[in-house]
Amino acid sequence: MATARAAATTPTFTLRTGLVLALLAGVCWGLVGVLVVAIALMLVTGAPVVPSLGAGVAAGLVAALICLFVEGGWRQRAMAAGAAAATLVLLTAGQPFGLPADVATLAQAVSLAVLAACLALLIGYVMGDVTPGAMRRYAFEVVVIRLLKGLGLLAFGVFVFLPFYVMVMTSFKSQAELLANPLDFSM
């Protein structure tokens, strides 16, 4: 009987921790954020953007860890945004979207700022007031549902907005311009 009681009190390894959720949220939002912002930058500028997915994941992880371990609201988000932007710039040698600095400089800077701010805000929203340690099942499920809801809303928004953007951009081009380059949706 003593061995059954000892086995029942032995701690078990669980994936239901705040650290695991932070890593999951960071990877998901970092990857999706870099892809969405790079595609938007490509559509707006017409430049051949090559997003760095690894740097995006690393930036998401850094932002998620800051949101997990640093207390506070806007201070926490600002630190996460700054760290995400710095991570993207450092890991890509100053070319977070694969473009040289002299190509669409303002658009790249705005895209980087939007990406870093969105990463910090979205990861901060998903994580809420999660702590690094073990979590109760309900709190764990709330965070996972927030993550899936955000990703679903983003996918829905892209699928709704993209056809309208293409329709509006092609309506401003002449037939000769469309025949010369049918995939140029820049302004």
C-alpha atoms as a PDB file:
ATOM      1  CA  MET A   1       0.000   0.000   0.000  1.00  0.00           C
ATOM      2  CA  ALA A   2       2.924   2.332   0.697  1.00  0.00           C
ATOM      3  CA  THR A   3       4.239   1.973  -2.854  1.00  0.00           C
ATOM      4  CA  ALA A   4       0.866   2.913  -4.340  1.00  0.00           C
ATOM      5  CA  ARG A   5       0.789   6.076  -2.234  1.00  0.00           C
ATOM      6  CA  ALA A   6       4.380   6.939  -3.191  1.00  0.00           C
ATOM      7  CA  ALA A   7       3.607   6.421  -6.878  1.00  0.00           C
ATOM      8  CA  ALA A   8       0.565   8.673  -6.610  1.00  0.00           C
ATOM      9  CA  THR A   9       2.604  11.549  -5.159  1.00  0.00           C
ATOM     10  CA  THR A  10       5.475  11.248  -7.619  1.00  0.00           C
ATOM     11  CA  PRO A  11       5.460  14.336  -9.868  1.00  0.00           C
ATOM     12  CA  THR A  12       4.865  13.630 -13.526  1.00  0.00           C
ATOM     13  CA  PHE A  13       6.088  15.553 -16.533  1.00  0.00           C
ATOM     14  CA  THR A  14       3.391  17.651 -18.169  1.00  0.00           C
ATOM     15  CA  LEU A  15       3.242  19.822 -21.252  1.00  0.00           C
ATOM     16  CA  ARG A  16       0.518  21.915 -19.639  1.00  0.00           C
ATOM     17  CA  THR A  17       2.830  24.728 -18.538  1.00  0.00           C
ATOM     18  CA  GLY A  18       3.058  28.416 -19.293  1.00  0.00           C
ATOM     19  CA  LEU A  19       6.502  27.970 -20.827  1.00  0.00           C
ATOM     20  CA  VAL A  20       5.239  25.427 -23.366  1.00  0.00           C
ATOM     21  CA  LEU A  21       2.327  27.715 -24.269  1.00  0.00           C
ATOM     22  CA  ALA A  22       4.668  30.681 -24.666  1.00  0.00           C
ATOM     23  CA  LEU A  23       6.890  28.698 -27.009  1.00  0.00           C
ATOM     24  CA  LEU A  24       3.868  27.490 -28.995  1.00  0.00           C
ATOM     25  CA  ALA A  25       2.377  30.988 -29.274  1.00  0.00           C
ATOM     26  CA  GLY A  26       5.755  32.465 -30.220  1.00  0.00           C
ATOM     27  CA  VAL A  27       6.380  29.936 -32.977  1.00  0.00           C
ATOM     28  CA  CYS A  28       2.857  30.223 -34.411  1.00  0.00           C
ATOM     29  CA  TRP A  29       2.610  34.021 -34.378  1.00  0.00           C
ATOM     30  CA  GLY A  30       6.227  34.500 -35.470  1.00  0.00           C
ATOM     31  CA  LEU A  31       5.810  32.251 -38.500  1.00  0.00           C
ATOM     32  CA  VAL A  32       2.369  33.528 -39.490  1.00  0.00           C
ATOM     33  CA  GLY A  33       3.264  37.159 -38.807  1.00  0.00           C
ATOM     34  CA  VAL A  34       6.368  37.124 -41.002  1.00  0.00           C
ATOM     35  CA  LEU A  35       4.457  35.456 -43.838  1.00  0.00           C
ATOM     36  CA  VAL A  36       1.494  37.834 -43.726  1.00  0.00           C
ATOM     37  CA  VAL A  37       3.584  41.004 -43.445  1.00  0.00           C
ATOM     38  CA  ALA A  38       5.967  39.853 -46.197  1.00  0.00           C
ATOM     39  CA  ILE A  39       3.081  39.095 -48.547  1.00  0.00           C
ATOM     40  CA  ALA A  40       1.498  42.471 -47.767  1.00  0.00           C
ATOM     41  CA  LEU A  41       4.838  44.205 -48.401  1.00  0.00           C
ATOM     42  CA  MET A  42       5.190  42.358 -51.700  1.00  0.00           C
ATOM     43  CA  LEU A  43       1.670  43.313 -52.790  1.00  0.00           C
ATOM     44  CA  VAL A  44       2.105  46.977 -51.869  1.00  0.00           C
ATOM     45  CA  THR A  45       5.604  47.552 -53.258  1.00  0.00           C
ATOM     46  CA  GLY A  46       5.856  44.962 -56.012  1.00  0.00           C
ATOM     47  CA  ALA A  47       9.360  44.085 -54.790  1.00  0.00           C
ATOM     48  CA  PRO A  48      10.462  40.428 -54.688  1.00  0.00           C
ATOM     49  CA  VAL A  49      10.208  39.827 -50.932  1.00  0.00           C
ATOM     50  CA  VAL A  50      11.837  36.711 -49.443  1.00  0.00           C
ATOM     51  CA  PRO A  51      10.755  36.406 -45.800  1.00  0.00           C
ATOM     52  CA  SER A  52      13.103  34.827 -43.296  1.00  0.00           C
ATOM     53  CA  LEU A  53      10.899  32.271 -41.567  1.00  0.00           C
ATOM     54  CA  GLY A  54      13.568  31.208 -39.089  1.00  0.00           C
ATOM     55  CA  ALA A  55      14.139  34.777 -37.957  1.00  0.00           C
ATOM     56  CA  GLY A  56      10.382  35.251 -37.662  1.00  0.00           C
ATOM     57  CA  VAL A  57      10.085  32.199 -35.432  1.00  0.00           C
ATOM     58  CA  ALA A  58      13.025  33.417 -33.320  1.00  0.00           C
ATOM     59  CA  ALA A  59      11.439  36.878 -33.004  1.00  0.00           C
ATOM     60  CA  GLY A  60       8.155  35.291 -31.958  1.00  0.00           C
ATOM     61  CA  LEU A  61       9.932  33.165 -29.366  1.00  0.00           C
ATOM     62  CA  VAL A  62      11.771  36.177 -27.939  1.00  0.00           C
ATOM     63  CA  ALA A  63       8.544  38.196 -27.752  1.00  0.00           C
ATOM     64  CA  ALA A  64       6.706  35.287 -26.121  1.00  0.00           C
ATOM     65  CA  LEU A  65       9.385  34.759 -23.493  1.00  0.00           C
ATOM     66  CA  ILE A  66       9.352  38.473 -22.644  1.00  0.00           C
ATOM     67  CA  CYS A  67       5.548  38.400 -22.373  1.00  0.00           C
ATOM     68  CA  LEU A  68       5.850  35.383 -20.075  1.00  0.00           C
ATOM     69  CA  PHE A  69       8.612  36.548 -17.734  1.00  0.00           C
ATOM     70  CA  VAL A  70       8.180  40.361 -17.598  1.00  0.00           C
ATOM     71  CA  GLU A  71       5.384  41.848 -15.516  1.00  0.00           C
ATOM     72  CA  GLY A  72       3.306  44.756 -16.750  1.00  0.00           C
ATOM     73  CA  GLY A  73       1.057  45.837 -19.589  1.00  0.00           C
ATOM     74  CA  TRP A  74       2.369  48.383 -22.086  1.00  0.00           C
ATOM     75  CA  ARG A  75       5.926  48.235 -20.781  1.00  0.00           C
ATOM     76  CA  GLN A  76       5.940  44.500 -21.369  1.00  0.00           C
ATOM     77  CA  ARG A  77       4.494  44.898 -24.881  1.00  0.00           C
ATOM     78  CA  ALA A  78       6.999  47.618 -25.780  1.00  0.00           C
ATOM     79  CA  MET A  79       9.909  45.476 -24.611  1.00  0.00           C
ATOM     80  CA  ALA A  80       8.571  42.501 -26.573  1.00  0.00           C
ATOM     81  CA  ALA A  81       8.112  44.593 -29.735  1.00  0.00           C
ATOM     82  CA  GLY A  82      11.590  46.084 -29.493  1.00  0.00           C
ATOM     83  CA  ALA A  83      13.181  42.708 -28.853  1.00  0.00           C
ATOM     84  CA  ALA A  84      11.262  41.126 -31.751  1.00  0.00           C
ATOM     85  CA  ALA A  85      12.355  43.878 -34.148  1.00  0.00           C
ATOM     86  CA  ALA A  86      15.963  43.648 -32.951  1.00  0.00           C
ATOM     87  CA  THR A  87      15.925  39.863 -33.342  1.00  0.00           C
ATOM     88  CA  LEU A  88      14.599  40.120 -36.898  1.00  0.00           C
ATOM     89  CA  VAL A  89      17.185  42.715 -37.888  1.00  0.00           C
ATOM     90  CA  LEU A  90      20.125  40.950 -36.236  1.00  0.00           C
ATOM     91  CA  LEU A  91      19.359  37.458 -37.525  1.00  0.00           C
ATOM     92  CA  THR A  92      18.842  38.647 -41.100  1.00  0.00           C
ATOM     93  CA  ALA A  93      21.830  41.025 -41.224  1.00  0.00           C
ATOM     94  CA  GLY A  94      19.576  44.050 -41.624  1.00  0.00           C
ATOM     95  CA  GLN A  95      17.350  42.541 -44.316  1.00  0.00           C
ATOM     96  CA  PRO A  96      14.305  41.074 -42.518  1.00  0.00           C
ATOM     97  CA  PHE A  97      12.356  40.799 -45.766  1.00  0.00           C
ATOM     98  CA  GLY A  98      15.238  39.830 -48.021  1.00  0.00           C
ATOM     99  CA  LEU A  99      15.382  43.247 -49.687  1.00  0.00           C
ATOM    100  CA  PRO A 100      18.382  45.573 -49.759  1.00  0.00           C
ATOM    101  CA  ALA A 101      18.068  48.692 -47.637  1.00  0.00           C
ATOM    102  CA  ASP A 102      17.722  50.980 -50.682  1.00  0.00           C
ATOM    103  CA  VAL A 103      14.617  49.175 -52.030  1.00  0.00           C
ATOM    104  CA  ALA A 104      11.326  50.453 -50.571  1.00  0.00           C
ATOM    105  CA  THR A 105      13.064  51.682 -47.429  1.00  0.00           C
ATOM    106  CA  LEU A 106      10.042  53.363 -45.855  1.00  0.00           C
ATOM    107  CA  ALA A 107       7.771  50.411 -46.633  1.00  0.00           C
ATOM    108  CA  GLN A 108      10.294  47.998 -45.090  1.00  0.00           C
ATOM    109  CA  ALA A 109      10.624  50.115 -41.942  1.00  0.00           C
ATOM    110  CA  VAL A 110       6.857  50.402 -41.546  1.00  0.00           C
ATOM    111  CA  SER A 111       6.438  46.655 -42.187  1.00  0.00           C
ATOM    112  CA  LEU A 112       9.059  45.820 -39.570  1.00  0.00           C
ATOM    113  CA  ALA A 113       7.409  48.113 -37.019  1.00  0.00           C
ATOM    114  CA  VAL A 114       3.954  46.682 -37.758  1.00  0.00           C
ATOM    115  CA  LEU A 115       5.265  43.127 -37.525  1.00  0.00           C
ATOM    116  CA  ALA A 116       7.020  43.728 -34.197  1.00  0.00           C
ATOM    117  CA  ALA A 117       4.024  45.543 -32.703  1.00  0.00           C
ATOM    118  CA  CYS A 118       1.581  42.865 -33.881  1.00  0.00           C
ATOM    119  CA  LEU A 119       3.775  40.085 -32.504  1.00  0.00           C
ATOM    120  CA  ALA A 120       3.956  41.775 -29.105  1.00  0.00           C
ATOM    121  CA  LEU A 121       0.255  42.611 -28.939  1.00  0.00           C
ATOM    122  CA  LEU A 122      -1.006  39.255 -30.195  1.00  0.00           C
ATOM    123  CA  ILE A 123       1.309  37.156 -28.065  1.00  0.00           C
ATOM    124  CA  GLY A 124       0.527  39.361 -25.066  1.00  0.00           C
ATOM    125  CA  TYR A 125      -3.201  38.881 -25.673  1.00  0.00           C
ATOM    126  CA  VAL A 126      -2.872  35.132 -26.093  1.00  0.00           C
ATOM    127  CA  MET A 127      -0.688  34.695 -23.022  1.00  0.00           C
ATOM    128  CA  GLY A 128      -2.727  36.992 -20.775  1.00  0.00           C
ATOM    129  CA  ASP A 129      -1.530  36.538 -17.189  1.00  0.00           C
ATOM    130  CA  VAL A 130       0.044  33.099 -17.665  1.00  0.00           C
ATOM    131  CA  THR A 131       2.935  32.143 -15.394  1.00  0.00           C
ATOM    132  CA  PRO A 132       5.853  29.897 -16.446  1.00  0.00           C
ATOM    133  CA  GLY A 133       4.858  26.988 -14.207  1.00  0.00           C
ATOM    134  CA  ALA A 134       2.195  24.291 -14.382  1.00  0.00           C
ATOM    135  CA  MET A 135      -1.327  25.346 -15.272  1.00  0.00           C
ATOM    136  CA  ARG A 136      -4.788  24.089 -14.533  1.00  0.00           C
ATOM    137  CA  ARG A 137      -6.606  22.497 -17.423  1.00  0.00           C
ATOM    138  CA  TYR A 138      -9.151  25.303 -17.803  1.00  0.00           C
ATOM    139  CA  ALA A 139      -6.491  28.043 -17.947  1.00  0.00           C
ATOM    140  CA  PHE A 140      -4.480  25.986 -20.440  1.00  0.00           C
ATOM    141  CA  GLU A 141      -7.515  25.513 -22.691  1.00  0.00           C
ATOM    142  CA  VAL A 142      -8.379  29.223 -22.524  1.00  0.00           C
ATOM    143  CA  VAL A 143      -4.921  30.134 -23.835  1.00  0.00           C
ATOM    144  CA  VAL A 144      -5.062  27.506 -26.602  1.00  0.00           C
ATOM    145  CA  ILE A 145      -8.521  28.723 -27.654  1.00  0.00           C
ATOM    146  CA  ARG A 146      -7.258  32.328 -27.752  1.00  0.00           C
ATOM    147  CA  LEU A 147      -4.375  31.232 -29.989  1.00  0.00           C
ATOM    148  CA  LEU A 148      -6.607  29.248 -32.360  1.00  0.00           C
ATOM    149  CA  LYS A 149      -9.240  32.004 -32.442  1.00  0.00           C
ATOM    150  CA  GLY A 150      -6.637  34.595 -33.402  1.00  0.00           C
ATOM    151  CA  LEU A 151      -5.153  32.405 -36.125  1.00  0.00           C
ATOM    152  CA  GLY A 152      -8.639  31.644 -37.459  1.00  0.00           C
ATOM    153  CA  LEU A 153      -9.617  35.309 -37.557  1.00  0.00           C
ATOM    154  CA  LEU A 154      -6.396  36.147 -39.368  1.00  0.00           C
ATOM    155  CA  ALA A 155      -6.980  33.418 -41.969  1.00  0.00           C
ATOM    156  CA  PHE A 156     -10.564  34.577 -42.472  1.00  0.00           C
ATOM    157  CA  GLY A 157      -9.436  38.192 -42.845  1.00  0.00           C
ATOM    158  CA  VAL A 158      -6.819  37.292 -45.445  1.00  0.00           C
ATOM    159  CA  PHE A 159      -9.273  35.199 -47.454  1.00  0.00           C
ATOM    160  CA  VAL A 160     -11.830  38.027 -47.424  1.00  0.00           C
ATOM    161  CA  PHE A 161      -9.482  40.994 -47.951  1.00  0.00           C
ATOM    162  CA  LEU A 162      -7.109  39.591 -50.594  1.00  0.00           C
ATOM    163  CA  PRO A 163      -9.654  39.218 -53.454  1.00  0.00           C
ATOM    164  CA  PHE A 164     -10.904  42.770 -52.878  1.00  0.00           C
ATOM    165  CA  TYR A 165      -7.349  44.105 -52.916  1.00  0.00           C
ATOM    166  CA  VAL A 166      -6.597  42.291 -56.181  1.00  0.00           C
ATOM    167  CA  MET A 167      -9.869  43.530 -57.698  1.00  0.00           C
ATOM    168  CA  VAL A 168      -9.187  47.160 -56.768  1.00  0.00           C
ATOM    169  CA  MET A 169      -5.536  47.089 -57.880  1.00  0.00           C
ATOM    170  CA  THR A 170      -6.311  45.497 -61.245  1.00  0.00           C
ATOM    171  CA  SER A 171      -9.083  48.013 -61.893  1.00  0.00           C
ATOM    172  CA  PHE A 172      -6.516  50.848 -61.840  1.00  0.00           C
ATOM    173  CA  LYS A 173      -4.247  49.224 -64.450  1.00  0.00           C
ATOM    174  CA  SER A 174      -4.592  49.385 -68.198  1.00  0.00           C
ATOM    175  CA  GLN A 175      -4.978  46.243 -70.253  1.00  0.00           C
ATOM    176  CA  ALA A 176      -1.418  46.593 -71.555  1.00  0.00           C
ATOM    177  CA  GLU A 177      -0.029  46.778 -68.013  1.00  0.00           C
ATOM    178  CA  LEU A 178      -2.021  43.721 -66.976  1.00  0.00           C
ATOM    179  CA  LEU A 179      -0.827  41.722 -69.984  1.00  0.00           C
ATOM    180  CA  ALA A 180       2.789  42.765 -69.410  1.00  0.00           C
ATOM    181  CA  ASN A 181       2.798  41.615 -65.768  1.00  0.00           C
ATOM    182  CA  PRO A 182      -0.452  40.043 -64.523  1.00  0.00           C
ATOM    183  CA  LEU A 183       0.919  39.427 -61.018  1.00  0.00           C
ATOM    184  CA  ASP A 184       1.971  43.027 -60.317  1.00  0.00           C
ATOM    185  CA  PHE A 185      -0.488  44.309 -57.725  1.00  0.00           C
ATOM    186  CA  SER A 186       1.643  47.202 -56.533  1.00  0.00           C
ATOM    187  CA  MET A 187       0.200  50.677 -56.174  1.00  0.00           C
END
